[in-house]
Amino acid sequence: MMNNDNVAPGDKAMILLQSLICYLREKNVLSRADIEELRNRVEARMATPDSGLSCATALVAAAVNEMRELDDYCGKKYGGKHRRQVN
């Protein structure tokens, strides 16, 4: 077993969440549109920092960046239909 005392709890959580999202996408539990919707919700949280949820703006910006990268990765690896855009 590896000694993981030097790994921050946030990093562990990020790895688990990324792995879970990829696994659920691989098993077709999540669609590409679902992942895009999740990304849009994270981006919306950045646009409205005063939404009652206490979260530092820098952390939200980092989360938005991570979500964009994960969306791009899943889109390239698993493909799928994009979310329908409502005008």
Protein backbone atom coordinates (compact mmCIF):
# COMPACT_ATOMS: atom_id res chain seq x y z
CA MET A 1 0.00 0.00 0.00
CA MET A 2 1.26 3.46 -0.91
CA ASN A 3 1.90 6.10 1.71
CA ASN A 4 -0.29 9.03 0.74
CA ASP A 5 0.31 11.34 3.70
CA ASN A 6 1.74 14.02 1.39
CA VAL A 7 -1.40 14.19 -0.80
CA ALA A 8 -3.87 16.93 0.08
CA PRO A 9 -7.44 15.79 0.81
CA GLY A 10 -8.71 18.09 -1.96
CA ASP A 11 -6.45 16.37 -4.47
CA LYS A 12 -7.75 12.97 -3.39
CA ALA A 13 -11.33 14.16 -3.76
CA MET A 14 -10.60 15.59 -7.23
CA ILE A 15 -9.09 12.30 -8.41
CA LEU A 16 -12.07 10.36 -7.07
CA LEU A 17 -14.61 12.70 -8.70
CA GLN A 18 -12.82 12.73 -12.05
CA SER A 19 -12.57 8.95 -11.99
CA LEU A 20 -16.24 8.61 -11.06
CA ILE A 21 -17.39 10.94 -13.84
CA CYS A 22 -15.26 9.10 -16.40
CA TYR A 23 -16.50 5.71 -15.17
CA LEU A 24 -20.15 6.78 -15.31
CA ARG A 25 -19.61 8.19 -18.81
CA GLU A 26 -17.89 4.97 -19.91
CA LYS A 27 -20.87 2.95 -18.68
CA ASN A 28 -23.30 5.34 -20.41
CA VAL A 29 -24.88 6.38 -17.12
CA LEU A 30 -23.85 9.95 -17.91
CA SER A 31 -24.18 11.34 -21.40
CA ARG A 32 -21.97 13.97 -22.94
CA ALA A 33 -24.91 16.35 -22.55
CA ASP A 34 -25.01 15.59 -18.80
CA ILE A 35 -21.34 16.47 -18.44
CA GLU A 36 -21.86 19.67 -20.42
CA GLU A 37 -24.78 20.57 -18.13
CA LEU A 38 -22.59 19.99 -15.08
CA ARG A 39 -19.89 22.20 -16.61
CA ASN A 40 -22.47 24.93 -17.27
CA ARG A 41 -23.65 24.78 -13.66
CA VAL A 42 -20.08 25.17 -12.41
CA GLU A 43 -19.58 28.11 -14.79
CA ALA A 44 -22.84 29.69 -13.62
CA ARG A 45 -21.61 29.50 -10.06
CA MET A 46 -18.57 31.53 -11.09
CA ALA A 47 -20.80 34.13 -12.76
CA THR A 48 -22.85 34.57 -9.57
CA PRO A 49 -20.46 34.34 -6.61
CA ASP A 50 -23.09 35.87 -4.30
CA SER A 51 -25.46 32.94 -4.74
CA GLY A 52 -25.47 32.20 -1.02
CA LEU A 53 -22.83 29.50 -1.29
CA SER A 54 -19.64 30.53 0.44
CA CYS A 55 -16.88 29.68 -1.98
CA ALA A 56 -13.76 31.65 -2.85
CA THR A 57 -13.71 33.03 -6.37
CA ALA A 58 -10.27 31.54 -7.06
CA LEU A 59 -11.53 28.10 -6.08
CA VAL A 60 -14.57 28.44 -8.32
CA ALA A 61 -12.33 29.55 -11.23
CA ALA A 62 -10.12 26.49 -10.66
CA ALA A 63 -13.20 24.26 -10.58
CA VAL A 64 -14.46 25.77 -13.84
CA ASN A 65 -11.09 25.10 -15.47
CA GLU A 66 -11.04 21.49 -14.20
CA MET A 67 -14.59 20.91 -15.40
CA ARG A 68 -13.78 22.27 -18.87
CA GLU A 69 -10.76 19.97 -19.12
CA LEU A 70 -12.79 16.98 -17.95
CA ASP A 71 -15.56 17.80 -20.43
CA ASP A 72 -13.01 18.02 -23.26
CA TYR A 73 -11.36 14.75 -22.20
CA CYS A 74 -14.63 12.82 -21.95
CA GLY A 75 -15.83 14.27 -25.25
CA LYS A 76 -12.69 13.15 -27.05
CA LYS A 77 -12.50 9.73 -25.40
CA TYR A 78 -16.16 8.69 -25.36
CA GLY A 79 -17.83 10.98 -27.90
CA GLY A 80 -21.57 11.39 -27.76
CA LYS A 81 -24.11 14.03 -28.62
CA HIS A 82 -23.75 17.57 -27.37
CA ARG A 83 -26.36 19.18 -25.19
CA ARG A 84 -29.13 20.90 -27.14
CA GLN A 85 -28.74 24.66 -27.10
CA VAL A 86 -31.91 26.59 -26.35
CA ASN A 87 -32.01 30.03 -27.95
